Amino acid sequence: MKRRLTVEARRAEIIEITRRRIAEEGAAGLSLREVARWCDMSAPGLTHHFPTLRDLMDEVLARRDAEDLRGIQALARADDHHLTLRRLADASVQYYVERPEETRHFDTLEAEAMSPAHPAHAYFAAIDSHTRGLGLTLAREEYEDPETVIAVLKVVVDGLRKRWVLLPENADLWGDWVRIRDTVFAGFTPLPDKASETP
């Protein structure tokens, strides 16, 4: 006998099952029919909740981003309640290093979504078109040119992520980050009242 769930509970279950399967196996060949099979639903039943694969991907990626942000902030505040951009950057790299397979699968998905025809293209394009809030807020509190600081950090981290996807056996995301972070942050001009503070 099938479980009876509210609409909200069923949607949440579909999103979580899809997110978990992508994390474990990647998104190659992902389709609504395949998701319906994972969720023990009919294809029409699934499309009642998510009419298109894009609708589902938007929800899955938004849920993952929200969970990741909470986890990263928790790591960044673990030893010190005063959050800085550098601590946030360290925590971000650490968080994804601790989830290597999931990170690689979702990074691969993001790379594939560069194609405008991909169902996740619009989501990643929208994310890439603006600076994420917390990092920019911290950069504005600490540095003279916060937009450039965030742009540089994004280029650096995106480069490390690409290397990790392309060379999974040889890439060392944390080690690479540690080797370059001092140089990267040394290139940023702190606000006058922050110049004497240690990271």
Foldseek 3Di string as FASTA:
>chain_A
DDDDDDLVVLLVVLLVQVLVCCLVPACVPPALCVSCVSSVHHSVVSCVNPVGPLSSLLVNVVVVVVVLVVQLVCQLPVPHVDHALVSSLLSSLVSCVVSPSSLLRVLVVLVVLCDPVDSCVVVSVVPVVDQDDPNLVRLVVWFDDSVVLRVLSVVVLNVLSVCCNVPVPPRDSNVVCVVCVVVSVVPTHTDPVRVPPDD
